[in-house]
Amino acid sequence: MTIEIYEKKLRTFIVSQVDTILKEPVHDLKHPFVDPGSIYDGNLWDWDSFWAVYALFHLAETEPDRARRDKYVRHAIGNVRNFLDHQMEDGYIPMMIAKLDFMPDLSEPYLIAKRKEGFVTNMHKPFLCQQIALIGGYTGDYGWIEDDYDKLELYFDCYDTNYKNENCGLYVWADDIMIGMDNDPATFGRPRFSTANVYLNAFMVSELKAMAVIAEALGRADRAAVYRAKAIELTKALDAECWDPRDKFFYSADVDVRTRHYDWFHQGLGVFWKTLPIKIRAWTGFIPLWSGVAQRWQAAYLAGDHAADANTFNSPSGIATLAQDEKMFDCRATNNPSNWLGPVWIVSNYVVFRGLMRYGFADQARELCEKTVLLLGRDLERTSTLHEYYVPQTGEPVMNGGFLNWNLLVLNMIDELRGTPPMCRFWLPASDLPFV
């Protein structure tokens, strides 16, 4: 009964608040956009805006008001337009566009300015084409992006030129700035261009599949075939380099591996392995379930040995973003970077939930959904709002009240359990699993 009561309260609250994150053009943003709410007012972020639109379009499917549905689409397209407006000649697109209070005189987005100074930092995370495919699939119209198609090709070229390690076939972060899971120990504090993070590569598989859908819809069947092939190639690289056969888990990989010698030493058997596993168990190890990278037998281990383990990821509030027995586990409040060293974030709960559903672990997905509803319902009951992230064992909110963004995904979880098709169906159909 408690679940039903909290569901009703959450649905009412979300519908009443959702317009607060729909923003009109401001500063460097010339088109409508979606921000995360709370302290991020007026900020456009890459994967944040994708998940917000993913949840908004889910709401739109049962929204009787045509004008409201159109508004969601207008802001979603605006997100994409704003990012493409700031694409550089080499294809680089920034990860976020915001007016920084501590740099009021900056005449262009911070990351663009740094790039022009010659500093190669990370670029837009692999959610640009997923957001485009989401919009195109939901509306049944891809024509709005046709004139910018070449910019999408350039975006992938930039990734391949600047962020792909050809030795192992995986993509690497340039540094540890704005990597999604901000302080992931597999990347945070490590040398530049040394980590092929599971987050980056597993979501890139989804991005490549989305690009194939876009190309196909625009009559470019030859290019669609190229991107489908690239997705398969990257899937194989993830399986070869990131799946650990002993631990039955996907780990990020250290690519800074080579034979090092200064004279006649090491002339015999040199380093023949392409990567070394960075054996830190983070929620990113479940992302291959979302993108269909995991083989079915691997999914069984991820679900049964890891997502269900109360000593590591399975907490009363959902999925801990870092295994609870890792030495770096820490749930203190922090911004820049945000804390992903264990706190529960609703986006990670949803990604794992969707992965469990994708591979047929419906009962386990139901449990995770119920934990998420209780977590957010109790927060709303106590504080009259929602927060950015939570302590796994107690469910206590850590910081940033008023945060909406991917918290909206709780409604996706509830409705998907009742049979509503997921929004990712437009580019990640269950039938595209690479293995049987």
Protein backbone atom coordinates (compact mmCIF):
# COMPACT_ATOMS: atom_id res chain seq x y z
CA MET A 1 0.00 0.00 0.00
CA THR A 2 2.88 2.36 0.83
CA ILE A 3 4.27 1.93 -2.69
CA GLU A 4 0.95 2.96 -4.25
CA ILE A 5 0.64 5.99 -1.99
CA TYR A 6 4.17 7.17 -2.76
CA GLU A 7 3.68 6.53 -6.46
CA LYS A 8 0.65 8.80 -6.51
CA LYS A 9 2.45 11.53 -4.55
CA LEU A 10 5.53 11.33 -6.78
CA ARG A 11 3.48 11.44 -9.96
CA THR A 12 1.56 14.48 -8.74
CA PHE A 13 4.74 16.24 -7.60
CA ILE A 14 6.65 15.55 -10.82
CA VAL A 15 3.83 16.74 -13.08
CA SER A 16 3.50 19.91 -10.98
CA GLN A 17 7.23 20.69 -11.13
CA VAL A 18 8.34 19.54 -14.56
CA ASP A 19 7.85 22.91 -16.24
CA THR A 20 10.50 24.42 -13.94
CA ILE A 21 13.29 22.67 -15.88
CA LEU A 22 12.04 23.77 -19.31
CA LYS A 23 14.03 26.90 -20.05
CA GLU A 24 13.90 29.51 -22.77
CA PRO A 25 17.05 30.83 -24.53
CA VAL A 26 19.59 32.54 -22.29
CA HIS A 27 23.26 33.63 -22.53
CA ASP A 28 25.08 31.29 -24.97
CA LEU A 29 22.02 29.10 -25.41
CA LYS A 30 20.00 30.38 -28.38
CA HIS A 31 17.33 27.69 -28.30
CA PRO A 32 14.98 26.34 -25.60
CA PHE A 33 16.62 23.69 -23.43
CA VAL A 34 16.22 21.51 -20.36
CA ASP A 35 18.31 22.02 -17.24
CA PRO A 36 18.55 19.70 -14.19
CA GLY A 37 16.97 22.09 -11.70
CA SER A 38 18.30 22.99 -8.24
CA ILE A 39 21.72 24.70 -8.34
CA TYR A 40 22.05 23.95 -12.07
CA ASP A 41 19.57 26.58 -13.21
CA GLY A 42 20.40 27.76 -16.72
CA ASN A 43 22.94 24.98 -17.35
CA LEU A 44 22.80 22.61 -20.31
CA TRP A 45 24.57 19.29 -19.74
CA ASP A 46 25.00 16.42 -22.17
CA TRP A 47 23.77 13.22 -20.54
CA ASP A 48 21.66 15.10 -18.00
CA SER A 49 19.55 16.65 -20.75
CA PHE A 50 19.22 13.30 -22.50
CA TRP A 51 17.78 11.55 -19.44
CA ALA A 52 15.46 14.46 -18.69
CA VAL A 53 14.04 14.27 -22.23
CA TYR A 54 13.85 10.47 -21.96
CA ALA A 55 11.59 10.93 -18.91
CA LEU A 56 9.65 13.85 -20.40
CA PHE A 57 8.76 11.89 -23.53
CA HIS A 58 7.55 9.06 -21.33
CA LEU A 59 5.23 11.54 -19.60
CA ALA A 60 4.17 12.86 -22.99
CA GLU A 61 2.86 9.46 -24.08
CA THR A 62 -0.04 9.83 -21.64
CA GLU A 63 -0.26 13.64 -21.77
CA PRO A 64 -3.60 14.74 -23.28
CA ASP A 65 -2.47 18.33 -23.84
CA ARG A 66 -0.97 18.55 -27.35
CA ALA A 67 0.61 21.93 -26.60
CA ARG A 68 2.49 20.47 -23.64
CA ARG A 69 3.73 17.52 -25.70
CA ASP A 70 4.92 19.91 -28.38
CA LYS A 71 6.71 21.95 -25.75
CA TYR A 72 8.67 18.88 -24.62
CA VAL A 73 9.72 18.23 -28.22
CA ARG A 74 10.68 21.86 -28.78
CA HIS A 75 12.99 21.87 -25.76
CA ALA A 76 14.48 18.50 -26.68
CA ILE A 77 15.33 19.70 -30.19
CA GLY A 78 16.66 22.88 -28.61
CA ASN A 79 19.10 20.83 -26.50
CA VAL A 80 20.56 19.31 -29.67
CA ARG A 81 20.61 22.62 -31.55
CA ASN A 82 22.42 24.35 -28.69
CA PHE A 83 25.16 21.74 -28.62
CA LEU A 84 25.57 21.72 -32.40
CA ASP A 85 25.75 25.53 -32.38
CA HIS A 86 28.97 25.17 -30.39
CA GLN A 87 30.61 22.44 -32.45
CA MET A 88 34.17 23.32 -33.45
CA GLU A 89 35.76 22.70 -36.86
CA ASP A 90 37.32 19.41 -35.78
CA GLY A 91 33.95 18.09 -34.56
CA TYR A 92 34.47 18.79 -30.87
CA ILE A 93 31.29 19.54 -28.90
CA PRO A 94 31.44 20.66 -25.27
CA MET A 95 29.97 18.59 -22.44
CA MET A 96 28.12 21.49 -20.91
CA ILE A 97 27.17 25.07 -21.72
CA ALA A 98 26.69 27.37 -18.77
CA LYS A 99 27.31 30.93 -17.64
CA LEU A 100 29.92 30.66 -14.91
CA ASP A 101 29.52 33.17 -12.08
CA PHE A 102 33.23 33.12 -11.32
CA MET A 103 34.09 33.97 -14.96
CA PRO A 104 31.47 36.62 -15.86
CA ASP A 105 33.55 38.18 -18.63
CA LEU A 106 34.02 34.96 -20.59
CA SER A 107 32.59 35.60 -24.06
CA GLU A 108 32.05 31.94 -24.97
CA PRO A 109 31.47 28.62 -23.17
CA TYR A 110 34.34 27.70 -20.87
CA LEU A 111 35.15 24.37 -22.54
CA ILE A 112 35.27 26.01 -25.97
CA ALA A 113 37.67 28.65 -24.65
CA LYS A 114 39.93 25.97 -23.15
CA ARG A 115 39.88 24.02 -26.41
CA LYS A 116 40.94 27.10 -28.35
CA GLU A 117 43.85 27.46 -25.92
CA GLY A 118 45.01 24.02 -27.09
CA PHE A 119 43.88 22.08 -24.03
CA VAL A 120 42.32 18.78 -25.08
CA THR A 121 39.68 17.86 -22.54
CA ASN A 122 36.70 15.53 -22.75
CA MET A 123 33.94 16.20 -25.26
CA HIS A 124 30.18 15.70 -25.29
CA LYS A 125 29.53 12.28 -23.78
CA PRO A 126 27.97 9.70 -26.11
CA PHE A 127 24.36 10.82 -25.75
CA LEU A 128 23.98 13.28 -28.65
CA CYS A 129 22.71 10.73 -31.17
CA GLN A 130 20.74 8.88 -28.53
CA GLN A 131 18.84 12.10 -27.85
CA ILE A 132 18.32 12.66 -31.59
CA ALA A 133 17.10 9.07 -32.06
CA LEU A 134 14.80 9.51 -29.07
CA ILE A 135 13.27 12.65 -30.62
CA GLY A 136 13.07 11.12 -34.09
CA GLY A 137 11.56 7.88 -32.85
CA TYR A 138 9.03 9.57 -30.60
CA THR A 139 7.87 12.11 -33.20
CA GLY A 140 8.32 9.87 -36.25
CA ASP A 141 10.32 12.69 -37.84
CA TYR A 142 14.06 12.89 -38.47
CA GLY A 143 13.85 15.63 -41.08
CA TRP A 144 14.64 18.34 -38.53
CA ILE A 145 18.22 17.00 -38.17
CA GLU A 146 18.92 16.28 -41.86
CA ASP A 147 20.72 19.57 -42.56
CA ASP A 148 23.04 18.89 -39.62
CA TYR A 149 23.78 15.26 -40.47
CA ASP A 150 27.37 16.02 -41.50
CA LYS A 151 27.97 17.51 -38.04
CA LEU A 152 27.14 14.13 -36.53
CA GLU A 153 29.70 12.41 -38.76
CA LEU A 154 32.24 15.03 -37.68
CA TYR A 155 31.39 14.40 -34.01
CA PHE A 156 32.28 10.72 -34.38
CA ASP A 157 35.40 11.58 -36.38
CA CYS A 158 36.54 13.74 -33.47
CA TYR A 159 36.01 10.85 -31.06
CA ASP A 160 37.95 8.47 -33.31
CA THR A 161 40.79 10.92 -33.88
CA ASN A 162 41.28 12.17 -30.34
CA TYR A 163 39.88 9.62 -27.92
CA LYS A 164 40.23 6.15 -29.41
CA ASN A 165 43.06 3.83 -28.45
CA GLU A 166 43.75 1.92 -31.64
CA ASN A 167 45.76 -0.75 -29.83
CA CYS A 168 42.73 -2.13 -28.00
CA GLY A 169 39.85 -0.53 -29.94
CA LEU A 170 38.38 1.22 -26.90
CA TYR A 171 37.70 4.90 -26.28
CA VAL A 172 39.51 6.72 -23.48
CA TRP A 173 38.82 9.78 -21.39
CA ALA A 174 41.23 12.64 -21.98
CA ASP A 175 41.14 13.51 -18.29
CA ASP A 176 38.89 13.18 -15.25
CA ILE A 177 36.77 16.29 -15.85
CA MET A 178 32.96 15.88 -16.21
CA ILE A 179 33.12 12.15 -16.91
CA GLY A 180 29.52 11.45 -15.89
CA MET A 181 30.45 9.39 -12.85
CA ASP A 182 32.50 12.38 -11.77
CA ASN A 183 34.90 10.84 -9.27
CA ASP A 184 35.00 7.28 -10.55
CA PRO A 185 38.30 5.95 -9.11
CA ALA A 186 38.96 4.13 -12.37
CA THR A 187 39.55 7.53 -13.99
CA PHE A 188 39.57 10.22 -11.29
CA GLY A 189 43.12 11.24 -10.39
CA ARG A 190 44.69 8.98 -13.01
CA PRO A 191 46.95 10.00 -15.93
CA ARG A 192 45.41 11.63 -18.98
CA PHE A 193 44.27 9.32 -21.79
CA SER A 194 44.99 6.22 -19.69
CA THR A 195 41.50 4.92 -18.88
CA ALA A 196 39.14 3.13 -21.22
CA ASN A 197 36.15 3.55 -18.95
CA VAL A 198 33.26 1.09 -19.20
CA TYR A 199 30.86 4.04 -18.91
CA LEU A 200 32.28 5.73 -22.01
CA ASN A 201 32.51 2.59 -24.11
CA ALA A 202 29.25 0.86 -23.19
CA PHE A 203 27.25 4.04 -23.73
CA MET A 204 29.21 4.59 -26.97
CA VAL A 205 27.86 1.28 -28.25
CA SER A 206 24.37 2.71 -27.70
CA GLU A 207 25.42 5.94 -29.41
CA LEU A 208 26.70 4.11 -32.49
CA LYS A 209 23.46 2.13 -32.71
CA ALA A 210 21.52 5.40 -32.47
CA MET A 211 23.61 6.92 -35.27
CA ALA A 212 22.83 3.90 -37.44
CA VAL A 213 19.11 4.47 -36.85
CA ILE A 214 19.45 8.16 -37.75
CA ALA A 215 21.41 7.42 -40.94
CA GLU A 216 18.88 4.78 -41.99
CA ALA A 217 15.98 7.16 -41.38
CA LEU A 218 17.65 9.80 -43.53
CA GLY A 219 18.19 7.42 -46.44
CA ARG A 220 21.88 6.80 -45.83
CA ALA A 221 21.81 3.01 -45.66
CA ASP A 222 25.53 2.71 -46.42
CA ARG A 223 26.46 4.89 -43.45
CA ALA A 224 23.98 3.04 -41.23
CA ALA A 225 25.83 -0.19 -42.05
CA VAL A 226 29.14 1.44 -41.12
CA TYR A 227 27.87 2.48 -37.70
CA ARG A 228 26.26 -0.87 -37.00
CA ALA A 229 29.59 -2.50 -37.79
CA LYS A 230 31.40 -0.06 -35.48
CA ALA A 231 28.96 -0.93 -32.67
CA ILE A 232 29.69 -4.64 -33.15
CA GLU A 233 33.43 -3.98 -33.21
CA LEU A 234 33.27 -1.97 -30.00
CA THR A 235 31.09 -4.62 -28.36
CA LYS A 236 33.76 -7.22 -29.10
CA ALA A 237 36.49 -4.96 -27.70
CA LEU A 238 34.51 -4.46 -24.49
CA ASP A 239 34.05 -8.21 -24.16
CA ALA A 240 37.74 -8.89 -24.82
CA GLU A 241 39.26 -6.15 -22.66
CA CYS A 242 36.74 -5.25 -19.95
CA TRP A 243 34.99 -8.51 -19.03
CA ASP A 244 36.84 -10.25 -16.21
CA PRO A 245 36.34 -14.03 -16.44
CA ARG A 246 37.34 -14.60 -12.81
CA ASP A 247 35.19 -11.90 -11.17
CA LYS A 248 32.40 -12.13 -13.77
CA PHE A 249 32.20 -8.35 -14.02
CA PHE A 250 32.94 -5.55 -16.50
CA TYR A 251 35.86 -3.38 -15.36
CA SER A 252 37.33 -0.22 -16.86
CA ALA A 253 40.76 -0.80 -18.38
CA ASP A 254 44.17 0.85 -18.17
CA VAL A 255 45.44 1.33 -21.72
CA ASP A 256 48.85 2.78 -20.76
CA VAL A 257 50.46 -0.61 -21.25
CA ARG A 258 53.60 -1.14 -23.30
CA THR A 259 57.07 -2.64 -23.09
CA ARG A 260 59.37 -0.08 -21.44
CA HIS A 261 63.12 -0.37 -21.66
CA TYR A 262 66.09 1.94 -22.01
CA ASP A 263 68.85 -0.39 -23.23
CA TRP A 264 69.16 -4.10 -23.95
CA PHE A 265 66.68 -5.05 -21.23
CA HIS A 266 63.24 -6.48 -22.12
CA GLN A 267 64.35 -7.71 -25.52
CA GLY A 268 62.68 -11.05 -24.94
CA LEU A 269 58.97 -11.58 -24.38
CA GLY A 270 57.56 -8.07 -24.12
CA VAL A 271 54.14 -6.80 -23.15
CA PHE A 272 51.68 -8.54 -25.45
CA TRP A 273 48.48 -7.75 -23.50
CA LYS A 274 46.61 -4.65 -24.64
CA THR A 275 45.14 -3.47 -21.34
CA LEU A 276 45.12 -4.12 -17.62
CA PRO A 277 41.82 -4.30 -15.71
CA ILE A 278 41.23 -1.56 -13.17
CA LYS A 279 39.55 -3.77 -10.60
CA ILE A 280 37.27 -1.26 -8.94
CA ARG A 281 33.63 -2.34 -8.84
CA ALA A 282 31.46 0.57 -9.87
CA TRP A 283 27.89 0.69 -11.18
CA THR A 284 29.37 1.30 -14.62
CA GLY A 285 29.95 -2.45 -14.83
CA PHE A 286 26.19 -2.86 -15.36
CA ILE A 287 25.92 -0.45 -18.31
CA PRO A 288 26.64 -3.31 -20.78
CA LEU A 289 23.18 -4.59 -19.80
CA TRP A 290 21.63 -1.32 -20.97
CA SER A 291 23.39 -1.27 -24.33
CA GLY A 292 23.09 -4.98 -25.10
CA VAL A 293 26.83 -5.59 -24.89
CA ALA A 294 26.59 -8.37 -22.32
CA GLN A 295 26.08 -11.93 -23.46
CA ARG A 296 23.15 -13.64 -21.77
CA TRP A 297 25.37 -15.76 -19.53
CA GLN A 298 27.34 -12.67 -18.51
CA ALA A 299 24.06 -10.92 -17.66
CA ALA A 300 23.19 -13.76 -15.30
CA TYR A 301 26.39 -13.17 -13.35
CA LEU A 302 25.90 -9.39 -13.30
CA ALA A 303 22.37 -9.80 -11.97
CA GLY A 304 22.87 -12.70 -9.56
CA ASP A 305 26.41 -12.24 -8.28
CA HIS A 306 26.64 -8.44 -8.25
CA ALA A 307 23.38 -6.49 -8.47
CA ALA A 308 21.87 -8.81 -5.83
CA ASP A 309 24.86 -8.74 -3.45
CA ALA A 310 24.09 -6.77 -0.28
CA ASN A 311 27.80 -6.52 0.51
CA THR A 312 28.53 -4.64 -2.69
CA PHE A 313 25.81 -3.00 -4.81
CA ASN A 314 22.44 -4.05 -3.42
CA SER A 315 21.33 -1.55 -0.78
CA PRO A 316 17.95 -0.69 0.79
CA SER A 317 17.85 2.39 -1.49
CA GLY A 318 18.90 0.70 -4.69
CA ILE A 319 22.23 0.35 -6.49
CA ALA A 320 25.26 1.82 -4.73
CA THR A 321 27.33 3.60 -7.36
CA LEU A 322 30.52 2.14 -5.88
CA ALA A 323 30.60 -1.26 -4.23
CA GLN A 324 30.08 -0.78 -0.51
CA ASP A 325 33.16 -2.82 0.37
CA GLU A 326 35.55 -0.77 -1.79
CA LYS A 327 38.12 1.22 0.18
CA MET A 328 37.04 4.47 -1.55
CA PHE A 329 33.37 4.10 -0.55
CA ASP A 330 32.33 7.50 0.83
CA CYS A 331 28.94 9.26 0.84
CA ARG A 332 29.86 12.74 1.96
CA ALA A 333 28.38 15.81 0.25
CA THR A 334 30.48 17.28 -2.55
CA ASN A 335 30.03 19.25 -5.76
CA ASN A 336 32.55 19.61 -8.58
CA PRO A 337 33.03 16.71 -8.58
CA SER A 338 29.69 15.33 -7.56
CA ASN A 339 29.99 12.23 -5.41
CA TRP A 340 29.62 8.84 -7.08
CA LEU A 341 31.69 6.92 -4.54
CA GLY A 342 28.68 4.97 -3.34
CA PRO A 343 25.65 7.29 -3.07
CA VAL A 344 22.51 6.16 -4.85
CA TRP A 345 21.60 8.20 -7.92
CA ILE A 346 18.29 7.59 -9.64
CA VAL A 347 19.90 7.45 -13.09
CA SER A 348 22.07 4.50 -12.07
CA ASN A 349 19.05 2.80 -10.51
CA TYR A 350 17.19 3.23 -13.80
CA VAL A 351 20.03 2.05 -16.06
CA VAL A 352 20.45 -1.12 -13.98
CA PHE A 353 16.67 -1.56 -13.82
CA ARG A 354 16.38 -1.27 -17.60
CA GLY A 355 19.26 -3.71 -18.06
CA LEU A 356 17.62 -6.26 -15.77
CA MET A 357 14.35 -5.91 -17.66
CA ARG A 358 16.17 -6.21 -20.99
CA TYR A 359 17.64 -9.59 -20.04
CA GLY A 360 14.55 -10.98 -18.36
CA PHE A 361 15.28 -10.44 -14.66
CA ALA A 362 11.86 -8.89 -14.04
CA ASP A 363 11.52 -9.82 -10.35
CA GLN A 364 14.87 -8.26 -9.53
CA ALA A 365 13.92 -5.17 -11.55
CA ARG A 366 10.64 -4.92 -9.64
CA GLU A 367 12.50 -4.92 -6.33
CA LEU A 368 14.79 -2.16 -7.54
CA CYS A 369 11.81 -0.11 -8.70
CA GLU A 370 10.08 -0.47 -5.35
CA LYS A 371 13.22 0.63 -3.52
CA THR A 372 13.43 3.69 -5.76
CA VAL A 373 9.79 4.61 -5.15
CA LEU A 374 10.24 4.27 -1.39
CA LEU A 375 13.46 6.28 -1.47
CA LEU A 376 12.01 9.24 -3.35
CA GLY A 377 8.58 8.97 -1.73
CA ARG A 378 10.02 9.22 1.77
CA ASP A 379 12.24 12.11 0.73
CA LEU A 380 9.26 13.96 -0.70
CA GLU A 381 7.23 13.23 2.42
CA ARG A 382 9.93 14.52 4.76
CA THR A 383 11.35 17.46 2.81
CA SER A 384 8.64 18.33 0.26
CA THR A 385 11.18 18.00 -2.55
CA LEU A 386 13.69 15.60 -4.13
CA HIS A 387 17.49 15.64 -3.94
CA GLU A 388 20.42 14.84 -6.20
CA TYR A 389 21.75 11.72 -4.46
CA TYR A 390 21.23 9.58 -1.37
CA VAL A 391 22.98 7.45 1.28
CA PRO A 392 22.47 3.79 0.24
CA GLN A 393 21.80 2.25 3.66
CA THR A 394 19.64 4.99 5.20
CA GLY A 395 18.10 6.74 2.21
CA GLU A 396 19.04 10.11 3.65
CA PRO A 397 19.35 12.83 0.99
CA VAL A 398 22.90 14.12 0.67
CA MET A 399 22.51 17.48 -1.06
CA ASN A 400 20.89 19.76 -3.66
CA GLY A 401 17.21 19.85 -2.88
CA GLY A 402 15.00 20.75 -5.83
CA PHE A 403 16.93 18.49 -8.21
CA LEU A 404 14.61 16.93 -10.81
CA ASN A 405 16.34 15.78 -14.01
CA TRP A 406 16.74 11.99 -13.98
CA ASN A 407 14.75 11.67 -10.75
CA LEU A 408 11.80 11.73 -13.14
CA LEU A 409 12.85 8.24 -14.29
CA VAL A 410 11.09 6.72 -11.29
CA LEU A 411 7.87 6.99 -13.29
CA ASN A 412 9.47 5.22 -16.25
CA MET A 413 10.37 2.35 -13.93
CA ILE A 414 6.86 2.05 -12.51
CA ASP A 415 5.17 2.11 -15.89
CA GLU A 416 7.64 -0.19 -17.62
CA LEU A 417 6.92 -2.86 -15.02
CA ARG A 418 3.28 -2.57 -16.07
CA GLY A 419 4.12 -3.13 -19.69
CA THR A 420 4.83 0.33 -21.08
CA PRO A 421 7.59 0.01 -23.73
CA PRO A 422 10.82 1.81 -22.75
CA MET A 423 11.78 4.98 -24.59
CA CYS A 424 15.04 3.37 -25.73
CA ARG A 425 13.01 1.05 -27.95
CA PHE A 426 13.62 3.40 -30.86
CA TRP A 427 17.32 2.53 -31.09
CA LEU A 428 17.96 -0.29 -28.57
CA PRO A 429 15.33 -2.95 -29.27
CA ALA A 430 15.68 -6.11 -27.18
CA SER A 431 16.04 -8.10 -30.40
CA ASP A 432 19.43 -6.49 -31.09
CA LEU A 433 21.23 -8.38 -28.31
CA PRO A 434 24.47 -9.52 -29.94
CA PHE A 435 24.49 -13.01 -28.50
CA VAL A 436 21.98 -15.73 -27.69
